[in-house]
PDB file of N, CA and C in Angstrom:
ATOM      1  N   UNK A   1      -6.077  -0.146 -16.133  1.00  0.00           N
ATOM      2  CA  UNK A   1      -6.953  -0.331 -15.734  1.00  0.00           C
ATOM      3  C   UNK A   1      -5.601   1.957 -14.834  1.00  0.00           C
ATOM      4  N   UNK A   2      -6.371   2.503 -14.001  1.00  0.00           N
ATOM      5  CA  UNK A   2      -6.125   3.316 -13.624  1.00  0.00           C
ATOM      6  C   UNK A   2      -6.305   3.601 -11.744  1.00  0.00           C
ATOM      7  N   UNK A   3      -5.001   3.725 -11.264  1.00  0.00           N
ATOM      8  CA  UNK A   3      -5.520   3.883  -9.886  1.00  0.00           C
ATOM      9  C   UNK A   3      -5.246   4.948  -8.831  1.00  0.00           C
ATOM     10  N   UNK A   4      -5.571   5.495  -8.369  1.00  0.00           N
ATOM     11  CA  UNK A   4      -5.686   6.965  -6.751  1.00  0.00           C
ATOM     12  C   UNK A   4      -4.608   6.608  -6.598  1.00  0.00           C
ATOM     13  N   UNK A   5      -4.090   6.998  -5.296  1.00  0.00           N
ATOM     14  CA  UNK A   5      -3.493   6.823  -4.227  1.00  0.00           C
ATOM     15  C   UNK A   5      -3.283   7.460  -3.210  1.00  0.00           C
ATOM     16  N   UNK A   6      -3.268   7.496  -2.275  1.00  0.00           N
ATOM     17  CA  UNK A   6      -3.959   8.942  -1.056  1.00  0.00           C
ATOM     18  C   UNK A   6      -3.620   8.241  -0.185  1.00  0.00           C
ATOM     19  N   UNK A   7      -2.269   9.047   0.201  1.00  0.00           N
ATOM     20  CA  UNK A   7      -1.920   8.948   1.424  1.00  0.00           C
ATOM     21  C   UNK A   7      -0.753   9.882   2.197  1.00  0.00           C
ATOM     22  N   UNK A   8      -1.701  10.774   3.399  1.00  0.00           N
ATOM     23  CA  UNK A   8       0.228  11.343   3.403  1.00  0.00           C
ATOM     24  C   UNK A   8       1.548  10.864   4.060  1.00  0.00           C
ATOM     25  N   UNK A   9       1.526   9.627   3.902  1.00  0.00           N
ATOM     26  CA  UNK A   9       3.213   9.069   4.084  1.00  0.00           C
ATOM     27  C   UNK A   9       2.895   8.732   2.101  1.00  0.00           C
ATOM     28  N   UNK A  10       4.410   9.233   2.510  1.00  0.00           N
ATOM     29  CA  UNK A  10       4.948   8.856   1.000  1.00  0.00           C
ATOM     30  C   UNK A  10       5.392   7.480   0.653  1.00  0.00           C
ATOM     31  N   UNK A  11       5.760   7.445   1.991  1.00  0.00           N
ATOM     32  CA  UNK A  11       6.533   5.827   1.895  1.00  0.00           C
ATOM     33  C   UNK A  11       5.422   4.446   2.089  1.00  0.00           C
ATOM     34  N   UNK A  12       4.257   5.170   2.237  1.00  0.00           N
ATOM     35  CA  UNK A  12       2.776   4.332   2.500  1.00  0.00           C
ATOM     36  C   UNK A  12       2.154   4.093   0.790  1.00  0.00           C
ATOM     37  N   UNK A  13       2.242   5.682   0.316  1.00  0.00           N
ATOM     38  CA  UNK A  13       1.733   5.541  -1.396  1.00  0.00           C
ATOM     39  C   UNK A  13       2.768   4.851  -1.779  1.00  0.00           C
ATOM     40  N   UNK A  14       4.364   4.388  -1.608  1.00  0.00           N
ATOM     41  CA  UNK A  14       4.903   3.811  -2.438  1.00  0.00           C
ATOM     42  C   UNK A  14       4.986   2.754  -3.088  1.00  0.00           C
ATOM     43  N   UNK A  15       4.813   1.878  -0.978  1.00  0.00           N
ATOM     44  CA  UNK A  15       4.411   0.389  -0.826  1.00  0.00           C
ATOM     45  C   UNK A  15       3.140   0.063  -1.894  1.00  0.00           C
ATOM     46  N   UNK A  16       2.022   0.843  -1.833  1.00  0.00           N
ATOM     47  CA  UNK A  16       1.051   1.010  -2.143  1.00  0.00           C
ATOM     48  C   UNK A  16       1.383   0.147  -3.702  1.00  0.00           C
ATOM     49  N   UNK A  17       2.024   1.569  -4.703  1.00  0.00           N
ATOM     50  CA  UNK A  17       2.034   1.184  -6.115  1.00  0.00           C
ATOM     51  C   UNK A  17       3.124   0.532  -6.050  1.00  0.00           C
ATOM     52  N   UNK A  18       4.507  -0.362  -5.317  1.00  0.00           N
ATOM     53  CA  UNK A  18       4.898  -1.403  -6.360  1.00  0.00           C
ATOM     54  C   UNK A  18       4.233  -2.411  -5.844  1.00  0.00           C
ATOM     55  N   UNK A  19       3.781  -2.390  -4.335  1.00  0.00           N
ATOM     56  CA  UNK A  19       2.510  -3.514  -4.944  1.00  0.00           C
ATOM     57  C   UNK A  19       1.630  -3.849  -6.080  1.00  0.00           C
ATOM     58  N   UNK A  20       1.252  -2.542  -5.866  1.00  0.00           N
ATOM     59  CA  UNK A  20       0.140  -2.661  -7.269  1.00  0.00           C
ATOM     60  C   UNK A  20       0.838  -2.928  -9.307  1.00  0.00           C
ATOM     61  N   UNK A  21       1.910  -2.471  -9.855  1.00  0.00           N
ATOM     62  CA  UNK A  21       2.462  -2.592 -10.405  1.00  0.00           C
ATOM     63  C   UNK A  21       3.376  -3.862  -9.933  1.00  0.00           C
ATOM     64  N   UNK A  22       3.668  -4.381  -9.278  1.00  0.00           N
ATOM     65  CA  UNK A  22       3.815  -6.166  -9.264  1.00  0.00           C
ATOM     66  C   UNK A  22       2.634  -7.167  -9.305  1.00  0.00           C
ATOM     67  N   UNK A  23       1.541  -6.383  -9.252  1.00  0.00           N
ATOM     68  CA  UNK A  23       0.726  -7.432  -9.977  1.00  0.00           C
ATOM     69  C   UNK A  23      -0.541  -6.609 -11.427  1.00  0.00           C
ATOM     70  N   UNK A  24       0.276  -6.197 -11.980  1.00  0.00           N
ATOM     71  CA  UNK A  24       0.320  -5.422 -13.295  1.00  0.00           C
ATOM     72  C   UNK A  24      -0.657  -4.551 -13.444  1.00  0.00           C
ATOM     73  N   UNK A  25      -0.677  -4.172 -12.766  1.00  0.00           N
ATOM     74  CA  UNK A  25      -1.056  -2.262 -11.986  1.00  0.00           C
ATOM     75  C   UNK A  25      -0.408  -1.420 -12.391  1.00  0.00           C
ATOM     76  N   UNK A  26      -0.017  -0.844 -13.305  1.00  0.00           N
ATOM     77  CA  UNK A  26       1.217   0.838 -13.063  1.00  0.00           C
ATOM     78  C   UNK A  26       0.131   1.903 -13.930  1.00  0.00           C
ATOM     79  N   UNK A  27      -0.970   2.024 -13.699  1.00  0.00           N
ATOM     80  CA  UNK A  27      -0.923   3.487 -14.358  1.00  0.00           C
ATOM     81  C   UNK A  27      -2.118   3.676 -13.111  1.00  0.00           C
ATOM     82  N   UNK A  28      -1.016   4.456 -12.211  1.00  0.00           N
ATOM     83  CA  UNK A  28      -1.138   5.747 -11.080  1.00  0.00           C
ATOM     84  C   UNK A  28      -1.444   6.307 -10.434  1.00  0.00           C
ATOM     85  N   UNK A  29      -1.093   7.413  -9.871  1.00  0.00           N
ATOM     86  CA  UNK A  29      -2.249   8.592  -9.553  1.00  0.00           C
ATOM     87  C   UNK A  29      -2.010   8.835  -8.599  1.00  0.00           C
ATOM     88  N   UNK A  30      -0.847  10.489  -7.980  1.00  0.00           N
ATOM     89  CA  UNK A  30      -0.933  10.337  -6.305  1.00  0.00           C
ATOM     90  C   UNK A  30      -1.817  11.426  -5.681  1.00  0.00           C
ATOM     91  N   UNK A  31      -2.101  11.459  -4.844  1.00  0.00           N
ATOM     92  CA  UNK A  31      -2.360  12.310  -3.528  1.00  0.00           C
ATOM     93  C   UNK A  31      -2.021  12.295  -2.570  1.00  0.00           C
ATOM     94  N   UNK A  32      -1.516  13.759  -1.588  1.00  0.00           N
ATOM     95  CA  UNK A  32      -1.260  13.112   0.056  1.00  0.00           C
ATOM     96  C   UNK A  32      -2.456  14.180   0.755  1.00  0.00           C
ATOM     97  N   UNK A  33      -3.325  14.270   0.154  1.00  0.00           N
ATOM     98  CA  UNK A  33      -3.997  14.447   0.941  1.00  0.00           C
ATOM     99  C   UNK A  33      -5.637  14.537   0.374  1.00  0.00           C
ATOM    100  N   UNK A  34      -6.524  13.901   1.049  1.00  0.00           N
ATOM    101  CA  UNK A  34      -7.624  14.163   0.674  1.00  0.00           C
ATOM    102  C   UNK A  34      -8.309  15.713  -0.734  1.00  0.00           C
ATOM    103  N   UNK A  35      -7.271  16.727  -0.362  1.00  0.00           N
ATOM    104  CA  UNK A  35      -7.584  17.629  -1.539  1.00  0.00           C
ATOM    105  C   UNK A  35      -6.498  17.527  -2.732  1.00  0.00           C
ATOM    106  N   UNK A  36      -5.402  17.011  -1.780  1.00  0.00           N
ATOM    107  CA  UNK A  36      -4.383  16.969  -3.222  1.00  0.00           C
ATOM    108  C   UNK A  36      -5.518  15.187  -3.904  1.00  0.00           C
ATOM    109  N   UNK A  37      -6.195  14.776  -3.263  1.00  0.00           N
ATOM    110  CA  UNK A  37      -6.715  13.534  -4.784  1.00  0.00           C
ATOM    111  C   UNK A  37      -7.919  14.053  -5.085  1.00  0.00           C
ATOM    112  N   UNK A  38      -8.545  14.719  -4.319  1.00  0.00           N
ATOM    113  CA  UNK A  38     -10.096  15.606  -5.081  1.00  0.00           C
ATOM    114  C   UNK A  38      -9.434  15.551  -6.507  1.00  0.00           C
ATOM    115  N   UNK A  39      -8.095  17.205  -6.122  1.00  0.00           N
ATOM    116  CA  UNK A  39      -8.583  17.808  -7.517  1.00  0.00           C
ATOM    117  C   UNK A  39      -7.606  16.162  -8.300  1.00  0.00           C
ATOM    118  N   UNK A  40      -6.844  15.899  -8.377  1.00  0.00           N
ATOM    119  CA  UNK A  40      -6.829  14.034  -8.569  1.00  0.00           C
ATOM    120  C   UNK A  40      -7.871  13.459  -9.823  1.00  0.00           C
ATOM    121  N   UNK A  41      -8.596  13.059  -8.680  1.00  0.00           N
ATOM    122  CA  UNK A  41     -10.410  12.753  -9.772  1.00  0.00           C
ATOM    123  C   UNK A  41     -10.352  14.363 -10.811  1.00  0.00           C
ATOM    124  N   UNK A  42     -10.712  15.094 -10.565  1.00  0.00           N
ATOM    125  CA  UNK A  42     -11.061  15.953 -11.310  1.00  0.00           C
ATOM    126  C   UNK A  42      -9.915  16.108 -12.518  1.00  0.00           C
ATOM    127  N   UNK A  43      -8.871  16.552 -12.382  1.00  0.00           N
ATOM    128  CA  UNK A  43      -7.761  16.247 -13.357  1.00  0.00           C
ATOM    129  C   UNK A  43      -7.230  14.559 -14.510  1.00  0.00           C
ATOM    130  N   UNK A  44      -8.284  13.612 -13.737  1.00  0.00           N
ATOM    131  CA  UNK A  44      -8.049  12.592 -14.017  1.00  0.00           C
ATOM    132  C   UNK A  44      -9.296  11.398 -13.510  1.00  0.00           C
ATOM    133  N   UNK A  45     -10.222  11.727 -15.422  1.00  0.00           N
ATOM    134  CA  UNK A  45     -11.886  11.611 -14.951  1.00  0.00           C
ATOM    135  C   UNK A  45     -11.867  10.004 -14.874  1.00  0.00           C
ATOM    136  N   UNK A  46     -10.456   9.726 -15.824  1.00  0.00           N
ATOM    137  CA  UNK A  46     -10.073   7.662 -16.507  1.00  0.00           C
ATOM    138  C   UNK A  46      -9.899   7.016 -14.761  1.00  0.00           C
ATOM    139  N   UNK A  47      -9.925   8.024 -13.984  1.00  0.00           N
ATOM    140  CA  UNK A  47      -9.600   6.410 -12.533  1.00  0.00           C
ATOM    141  C   UNK A  47     -10.548   6.464 -12.031  1.00  0.00           C
ATOM    142  N   UNK A  48     -10.270   4.889 -12.483  1.00  0.00           N
ATOM    143  CA  UNK A  48     -11.126   3.190 -11.613  1.00  0.00           C
ATOM    144  C   UNK A  48     -11.213   2.997 -11.443  1.00  0.00           C
ATOM    145  N   UNK A  49      -9.869   3.285  -9.846  1.00  0.00           N
ATOM    146  CA  UNK A  49      -9.980   2.879  -8.662  1.00  0.00           C
ATOM    147  C   UNK A  49      -9.775   4.147  -7.355  1.00  0.00           C
ATOM    148  N   UNK A  50      -9.960   3.785  -6.448  1.00  0.00           N
ATOM    149  CA  UNK A  50      -9.265   4.650  -5.186  1.00  0.00           C
ATOM    150  C   UNK A  50      -9.231   3.861  -4.152  1.00  0.00           C
ATOM    151  N   UNK A  51      -8.140   4.427  -3.613  1.00  0.00           N
ATOM    152  CA  UNK A  51      -7.345   3.808  -2.656  1.00  0.00           C
ATOM    153  C   UNK A  51      -7.070   4.985  -2.390  1.00  0.00           C
ATOM    154  N   UNK A  52      -7.513   4.566  -0.349  1.00  0.00           N
ATOM    155  CA  UNK A  52      -6.792   5.692   0.206  1.00  0.00           C
ATOM    156  C   UNK A  52      -6.643   5.582   0.993  1.00  0.00           C
ATOM    157  N   UNK A  53      -6.051   6.355   2.862  1.00  0.00           N
ATOM    158  CA  UNK A  53      -5.744   6.158   3.173  1.00  0.00           C
ATOM    159  C   UNK A  53      -7.199   7.306   4.271  1.00  0.00           C
ATOM    160  N   UNK A  54      -7.408   6.839   6.556  1.00  0.00           N
ATOM    161  CA  UNK A  54      -8.038   7.889   6.331  1.00  0.00           C
ATOM    162  C   UNK A  54      -8.002   8.627   7.300  1.00  0.00           C
ATOM    163  N   UNK A  55      -6.278   9.331   8.149  1.00  0.00           N
ATOM    164  CA  UNK A  55      -6.185   9.899   8.525  1.00  0.00           C
ATOM    165  C   UNK A  55      -5.127  10.400   7.973  1.00  0.00           C
ATOM    166  N   UNK A  56      -5.785  11.776   7.743  1.00  0.00           N
ATOM    167  CA  UNK A  56      -4.205  12.893   5.975  1.00  0.00           C
ATOM    168  C   UNK A  56      -5.404  13.778   6.706  1.00  0.00           C
ATOM    169  N   UNK A  57      -4.226  15.249   6.610  1.00  0.00           N
ATOM    170  CA  UNK A  57      -4.288  16.549   7.128  1.00  0.00           C
ATOM    171  C   UNK A  57      -5.644  17.201   5.677  1.00  0.00           C
ATOM    172  N   UNK A  58      -5.270  18.801   5.738  1.00  0.00           N
ATOM    173  CA  UNK A  58      -6.048  19.089   5.256  1.00  0.00           C
ATOM    174  C   UNK A  58      -7.869  18.429   5.063  1.00  0.00           C
ATOM    175  N   UNK A  59      -8.030  17.094   3.886  1.00  0.00           N
ATOM    176  CA  UNK A  59      -9.320  17.022   3.655  1.00  0.00           C
ATOM    177  C   UNK A  59      -9.563  15.216   4.328  1.00  0.00           C
ATOM    178  N   UNK A  60      -9.493  14.613   4.755  1.00  0.00           N
ATOM    179  CA  UNK A  60      -9.138  12.790   4.993  1.00  0.00           C
ATOM    180  C   UNK A  60     -10.447  12.463   4.041  1.00  0.00           C
ATOM    181  N   UNK A  61      -9.766  10.579   4.645  1.00  0.00           N
ATOM    182  CA  UNK A  61     -10.093   9.807   3.965  1.00  0.00           C
ATOM    183  C   UNK A  61     -11.712   9.937   3.846  1.00  0.00           C
ATOM    184  N   UNK A  62     -12.264  10.062   4.800  1.00  0.00           N
ATOM    185  CA  UNK A  62     -13.309   9.323   5.152  1.00  0.00           C
ATOM    186  C   UNK A  62     -14.452  10.891   4.712  1.00  0.00           C
ATOM    187  N   UNK A  63     -13.871  12.047   5.279  1.00  0.00           N
ATOM    188  CA  UNK A  63     -14.360  13.024   3.174  1.00  0.00           C
ATOM    189  C   UNK A  63     -14.032  12.771   2.285  1.00  0.00           C
ATOM    190  N   UNK A  64     -12.404  12.270   1.581  1.00  0.00           N
ATOM    191  CA  UNK A  64     -12.164  12.689   0.564  1.00  0.00           C
ATOM    192  C   UNK A  64     -13.556  10.657  -0.106  1.00  0.00           C
ATOM    193  N   UNK A  65     -14.310  10.147   0.924  1.00  0.00           N
ATOM    194  CA  UNK A  65     -15.053   9.134   0.348  1.00  0.00           C
ATOM    195  C   UNK A  65     -16.322   9.573  -0.176  1.00  0.00           C
ATOM    196  N   UNK A  66     -16.821  10.249   1.070  1.00  0.00           N
ATOM    197  CA  UNK A  66     -18.088  10.716   1.018  1.00  0.00           C
ATOM    198  C   UNK A  66     -18.098  12.033  -0.331  1.00  0.00           C
ATOM    199  N   UNK A  67     -16.783  12.315  -0.496  1.00  0.00           N
ATOM    200  CA  UNK A  67     -17.280  13.309  -1.500  1.00  0.00           C
ATOM    201  C   UNK A  67     -17.061  12.703  -2.695  1.00  0.00           C
ATOM    202  N   UNK A  68     -16.334  11.747  -3.131  1.00  0.00           N
ATOM    203  CA  UNK A  68     -16.201  10.480  -4.585  1.00  0.00           C
ATOM    204  C   UNK A  68     -17.542  10.327  -4.813  1.00  0.00           C
ATOM    205  N   UNK A  69     -18.225  10.422  -3.696  1.00  0.00           N
ATOM    206  CA  UNK A  69     -19.062   9.015  -2.815  1.00  0.00           C
ATOM    207  C   UNK A  69     -20.523  10.138  -4.237  1.00  0.00           C
ATOM    208  N   UNK A  70     -20.488  11.147  -3.992  1.00  0.00           N
ATOM    209  CA  UNK A  70     -21.781  12.108  -4.026  1.00  0.00           C
ATOM    210  C   UNK A  70     -21.984  12.809  -5.925  1.00  0.00           C
ATOM    211  N   UNK A  71     -20.678  11.940  -6.343  1.00  0.00           N
ATOM    212  CA  UNK A  71     -20.714  12.251  -7.739  1.00  0.00           C
ATOM    213  C   UNK A  71     -21.468  11.240  -8.847  1.00  0.00           C
ATOM    214  N   UNK A  72     -21.960  10.846  -8.867  1.00  0.00           N
ATOM    215  CA  UNK A  72     -23.132  10.253  -9.811  1.00  0.00           C
ATOM    216  C   UNK A  72     -22.296   9.302 -10.159  1.00  0.00           C
ATOM    217  N   UNK A  73     -21.119   9.983 -11.115  1.00  0.00           N
ATOM    218  CA  UNK A  73     -20.376   9.738 -11.719  1.00  0.00           C
ATOM    219  C   UNK A  73     -18.970   7.881 -10.901  1.00  0.00           C
ATOM    220  N   UNK A  74     -19.098   8.287  -9.536  1.00  0.00           N
ATOM    221  CA  UNK A  74     -18.214   7.540  -8.719  1.00  0.00           C
ATOM    222  C   UNK A  74     -18.901   6.893  -8.015  1.00  0.00           C
ATOM    223  N   UNK A  75     -20.406   6.604  -8.435  1.00  0.00           N
ATOM    224  CA  UNK A  75     -21.142   5.651  -7.666  1.00  0.00           C
ATOM    225  C   UNK A  75     -20.621   3.983  -7.209  1.00  0.00           C
ATOM    226  N   UNK A  76     -20.211   4.132  -9.079  1.00  0.00           N
ATOM    227  CA  UNK A  76     -19.909   2.315  -9.254  1.00  0.00           C
ATOM    228  C   UNK A  76     -18.274   2.176  -7.884  1.00  0.00           C
ATOM    229  N   UNK A  77     -17.581   2.775  -8.257  1.00  0.00           N
ATOM    230  CA  UNK A  77     -15.218   3.410  -8.203  1.00  0.00           C
ATOM    231  C   UNK A  77     -15.236   2.351  -6.852  1.00  0.00           C
ATOM    232  N   UNK A  78     -14.556   1.412  -7.335  1.00  0.00           N
ATOM    233  CA  UNK A  78     -14.502   0.586  -6.499  1.00  0.00           C
ATOM    234  C   UNK A  78     -13.009   1.600  -5.177  1.00  0.00           C
ATOM    235  N   UNK A  79     -13.543   1.601  -4.103  1.00  0.00           N
ATOM    236  CA  UNK A  79     -12.644   2.365  -2.702  1.00  0.00           C
ATOM    237  C   UNK A  79     -12.462   1.257  -2.431  1.00  0.00           C
ATOM    238  N   UNK A  80     -11.496   1.428  -1.441  1.00  0.00           N
ATOM    239  CA  UNK A  80     -10.451   0.978  -0.854  1.00  0.00           C
ATOM    240  C   UNK A  80      -9.594   2.024   0.193  1.00  0.00           C
ATOM    241  N   UNK A  81      -9.845   1.889   1.469  1.00  0.00           N
ATOM    242  CA  UNK A  81      -9.933   2.300   3.079  1.00  0.00           C
ATOM    243  C   UNK A  81      -8.197   1.613   2.999  1.00  0.00           C
ATOM    244  N   UNK A  82      -7.769   2.208   3.609  1.00  0.00           N
ATOM    245  CA  UNK A  82      -6.221   1.281   3.115  1.00  0.00           C
ATOM    246  C   UNK A  82      -5.384   2.248   5.753  1.00  0.00           C
ATOM    247  N   UNK A  83      -5.751   1.552   6.124  1.00  0.00           N
ATOM    248  CA  UNK A  83      -5.303   2.843   7.681  1.00  0.00           C
ATOM    249  C   UNK A  83      -5.497   1.457   8.695  1.00  0.00           C
ATOM    250  N   UNK A  84      -5.429   3.228   9.682  1.00  0.00           N
ATOM    251  CA  UNK A  84      -5.129   1.917  11.271  1.00  0.00           C
ATOM    252  C   UNK A  84      -5.489   2.100  12.128  1.00  0.00           C
ATOM    253  N   UNK A  85      -6.215   2.930  12.101  1.00  0.00           N
ATOM    254  CA  UNK A  85      -8.215   2.970  11.821  1.00  0.00           C
ATOM    255  C   UNK A  85      -8.440   1.040  12.403  1.00  0.00           C
ATOM    256  N   UNK A  86      -8.192   0.402  12.455  1.00  0.00           N
ATOM    257  CA  UNK A  86      -9.427  -1.462  12.407  1.00  0.00           C
ATOM    258  C   UNK A  86     -10.133  -1.539  13.152  1.00  0.00           C
ATOM    259  N   UNK A  87     -10.783  -0.304  14.204  1.00  0.00           N
ATOM    260  CA  UNK A  87     -11.504  -1.268  14.788  1.00  0.00           C
ATOM    261  C   UNK A  87     -12.930  -1.035  14.233  1.00  0.00           C
ATOM    262  N   UNK A  88     -13.841  -1.652  15.104  1.00  0.00           N
ATOM    263  CA  UNK A  88     -15.391  -2.054  14.585  1.00  0.00           C
ATOM    264  C   UNK A  88     -15.986  -1.127  13.938  1.00  0.00           C
ATOM    265  N   UNK A  89     -15.822   0.005  15.355  1.00  0.00           N
ATOM    266  CA  UNK A  89     -16.655   1.353  14.617  1.00  0.00           C
ATOM    267  C   UNK A  89     -15.806   2.596  12.878  1.00  0.00           C
ATOM    268  N   UNK A  90     -15.329   2.287  13.543  1.00  0.00           N
ATOM    269  CA  UNK A  90     -14.390   1.899  12.125  1.00  0.00           C
ATOM    270  C   UNK A  90     -14.727   1.891  11.062  1.00  0.00           C
ATOM    271  N   UNK A  91     -14.644   0.673  10.185  1.00  0.00           N
ATOM    272  CA  UNK A  91     -14.207   0.036  10.107  1.00  0.00           C
ATOM    273  C   UNK A  91     -16.560   0.092   9.292  1.00  0.00           C
ATOM    274  N   UNK A  92     -17.259   0.271  10.348  1.00  0.00           N
ATOM    275  CA  UNK A  92     -18.399   0.325  10.084  1.00  0.00           C
ATOM    276  C   UNK A  92     -18.432   1.511   9.149  1.00  0.00           C
ATOM    277  N   UNK A  93     -17.773   2.609   9.981  1.00  0.00           N
ATOM    278  CA  UNK A  93     -18.419   4.618   9.798  1.00  0.00           C
ATOM    279  C   UNK A  93     -17.890   4.115   7.455  1.00  0.00           C
ATOM    280  N   UNK A  94     -17.137   3.347   8.501  1.00  0.00           N
ATOM    281  CA  UNK A  94     -16.611   3.694   6.175  1.00  0.00           C
ATOM    282  C   UNK A  94     -17.246   3.369   5.574  1.00  0.00           C
ATOM    283  N   UNK A  95     -16.779   2.118   5.334  1.00  0.00           N
ATOM    284  CA  UNK A  95     -18.418   1.092   4.720  1.00  0.00           C
ATOM    285  C   UNK A  95     -19.495   1.799   4.329  1.00  0.00           C
ATOM    286  N   UNK A  96     -20.148   2.758   4.999  1.00  0.00           N
ATOM    287  CA  UNK A  96     -21.752   2.262   4.850  1.00  0.00           C
ATOM    288  C   UNK A  96     -21.053   4.970   4.722  1.00  0.00           C
ATOM    289  N   UNK A  97     -19.892   5.160   4.485  1.00  0.00           N
ATOM    290  CA  UNK A  97     -19.885   6.168   3.539  1.00  0.00           C
ATOM    291  C   UNK A  97     -19.868   5.898   2.386  1.00  0.00           C
ATOM    292  N   UNK A  98     -19.772   4.516   1.654  1.00  0.00           N
ATOM    293  CA  UNK A  98     -19.345   4.161   0.404  1.00  0.00           C
ATOM    294  C   UNK A  98     -17.865   3.785   0.596  1.00  0.00           C
ATOM    295  N   UNK A  99     -16.728   2.679   1.363  1.00  0.00           N
ATOM    296  CA  UNK A  99     -16.123   2.185   0.152  1.00  0.00           C
ATOM    297  C   UNK A  99     -16.783   1.114   0.369  1.00  0.00           C
ATOM    298  N   UNK A 100     -15.773   0.360  -0.119  1.00  0.00           N
ATOM    299  CA  UNK A 100     -16.012  -1.030  -0.715  1.00  0.00           C
ATOM    300  C   UNK A 100     -14.362  -2.119  -0.189  1.00  0.00           C
ATOM    301  N   UNK A 101     -13.507  -2.224  -0.046  1.00  0.00           N
ATOM    302  CA  UNK A 101     -12.765  -2.239   0.884  1.00  0.00           C
ATOM    303  C   UNK A 101     -12.417  -2.292   2.677  1.00  0.00           C
ATOM    304  N   UNK A 102     -12.126  -2.299   3.336  1.00  0.00           N
ATOM    305  CA  UNK A 102     -11.198  -2.105   4.063  1.00  0.00           C
ATOM    306  C   UNK A 102     -10.284  -2.407   4.215  1.00  0.00           C
ATOM    307  N   UNK A 103      -8.186  -2.193   4.638  1.00  0.00           N
ATOM    308  CA  UNK A 103      -7.272  -2.575   5.241  1.00  0.00           C
ATOM    309  C   UNK A 103      -6.557  -2.046   5.994  1.00  0.00           C
ATOM    310  N   UNK A 104      -6.334  -3.274   6.934  1.00  0.00           N
ATOM    311  CA  UNK A 104      -5.382  -2.336   8.441  1.00  0.00           C
ATOM    312  C   UNK A 104      -4.022  -1.770   8.044  1.00  0.00           C
ATOM    313  N   UNK A 105      -3.644  -0.774   8.112  1.00  0.00           N
ATOM    314  CA  UNK A 105      -2.335  -0.913   8.034  1.00  0.00           C
ATOM    315  C   UNK A 105      -1.758  -1.863   9.581  1.00  0.00           C
ATOM    316  N   UNK A 106      -0.032  -2.675   9.653  1.00  0.00           N
ATOM    317  CA  UNK A 106       0.791  -2.563   8.612  1.00  0.00           C
ATOM    318  C   UNK A 106       0.096  -4.354   7.911  1.00  0.00           C
ATOM    319  N   UNK A 107      -0.165  -3.935   6.070  1.00  0.00           N
ATOM    320  CA  UNK A 107      -0.593  -5.697   5.900  1.00  0.00           C
ATOM    321  C   UNK A 107       0.271  -5.887   4.708  1.00  0.00           C
ATOM    322  N   UNK A 108       0.392  -6.658   4.067  1.00  0.00           N
ATOM    323  CA  UNK A 108       1.490  -7.786   3.016  1.00  0.00           C
ATOM    324  C   UNK A 108       0.649  -7.175   2.080  1.00  0.00           C
ATOM    325  N   UNK A 109       1.401  -7.427   1.181  1.00  0.00           N
ATOM    326  CA  UNK A 109       0.737  -7.328  -0.148  1.00  0.00           C
ATOM    327  C   UNK A 109      -0.195  -8.516  -0.790  1.00  0.00           C
ATOM    328  N   UNK A 110      -0.174  -9.466   0.269  1.00  0.00           N
ATOM    329  CA  UNK A 110      -0.979 -10.948   0.062  1.00  0.00           C
ATOM    330  C   UNK A 110      -2.048  -9.680  -0.065  1.00  0.00           C
ATOM    331  N   UNK A 111      -1.637  -9.611   1.570  1.00  0.00           N
ATOM    332  CA  UNK A 111      -3.604  -9.275   1.411  1.00  0.00           C
ATOM    333  C   UNK A 111      -4.146  -8.108   0.166  1.00  0.00           C
ATOM    334  N   UNK A 112      -3.212  -6.666   0.073  1.00  0.00           N
ATOM    335  CA  UNK A 112      -3.706  -5.468  -0.700  1.00  0.00           C
ATOM    336  C   UNK A 112      -4.706  -6.624  -1.931  1.00  0.00           C
ATOM    337  N   UNK A 113      -3.633  -7.919  -2.540  1.00  0.00           N
ATOM    338  CA  UNK A 113      -4.184  -7.561  -3.473  1.00  0.00           C
ATOM    339  C   UNK A 113      -5.875  -8.835  -3.450  1.00  0.00           C
ATOM    340  N   UNK A 114      -5.224  -9.527  -2.903  1.00  0.00           N
ATOM    341  CA  UNK A 114      -6.668  -9.893  -2.477  1.00  0.00           C
ATOM    342  C   UNK A 114      -8.303  -8.962  -2.072  1.00  0.00           C
ATOM    343  N   UNK A 115      -7.802  -7.918  -1.427  1.00  0.00           N
ATOM    344  CA  UNK A 115      -8.776  -7.188  -1.273  1.00  0.00           C
ATOM    345  C   UNK A 115      -9.300  -6.517  -2.910  1.00  0.00           C
ATOM    346  N   UNK A 116      -7.733  -6.345  -3.746  1.00  0.00           N
ATOM    347  CA  UNK A 116      -7.920  -5.646  -4.766  1.00  0.00           C
ATOM    348  C   UNK A 116      -9.344  -6.958  -5.618  1.00  0.00           C
ATOM    349  N   UNK A 117      -8.872  -8.234  -6.082  1.00  0.00           N
ATOM    350  CA  UNK A 117     -10.044  -8.969  -6.445  1.00  0.00           C
ATOM    351  C   UNK A 117     -10.823  -9.385  -6.280  1.00  0.00           C
ATOM    352  N   UNK A 118     -11.161  -8.972  -4.237  1.00  0.00           N
ATOM    353  CA  UNK A 118     -13.023  -8.769  -4.693  1.00  0.00           C
ATOM    354  C   UNK A 118     -13.254  -7.698  -4.741  1.00  0.00           C
ATOM    355  N   UNK A 119     -13.332  -6.736  -4.818  1.00  0.00           N
ATOM    356  CA  UNK A 119     -13.353  -5.775  -5.515  1.00  0.00           C
ATOM    357  C   UNK A 119     -13.746  -5.078  -6.856  1.00  0.00           C
ATOM    358  N   UNK A 120     -12.526  -5.779  -7.551  1.00  0.00           N
ATOM    359  CA  UNK A 120     -12.687  -5.982  -9.283  1.00  0.00           C
ATOM    360  C   UNK A 120     -14.057  -6.644 -10.093  1.00  0.00           C
TER     361      UNK A 120
END
């Protein structure tokens, strides 16, 4: 299973990658923002799961989610948003855009594992 992790924080990308590796997922591609994330999607058509931040420069996570969902081939791809935006309005906005699950930072590895299991 291949993951795409998109976050403008290299530390957060590393935390997510390490957590994924600990639960057996070592095939991970990265992007620093939505633009890089979208490029990575095009270069890696075998990506199975997208984990993205919301607040990023150039193209934010919500815009990336909408772009991914506009492509028929990604209609069923699990998408998890990992963000500091924890308000009810933001969660609803993200779910309407096509996010399957939502994690508010900071989070524990266990939370990521549980949210991932829920969408796979």
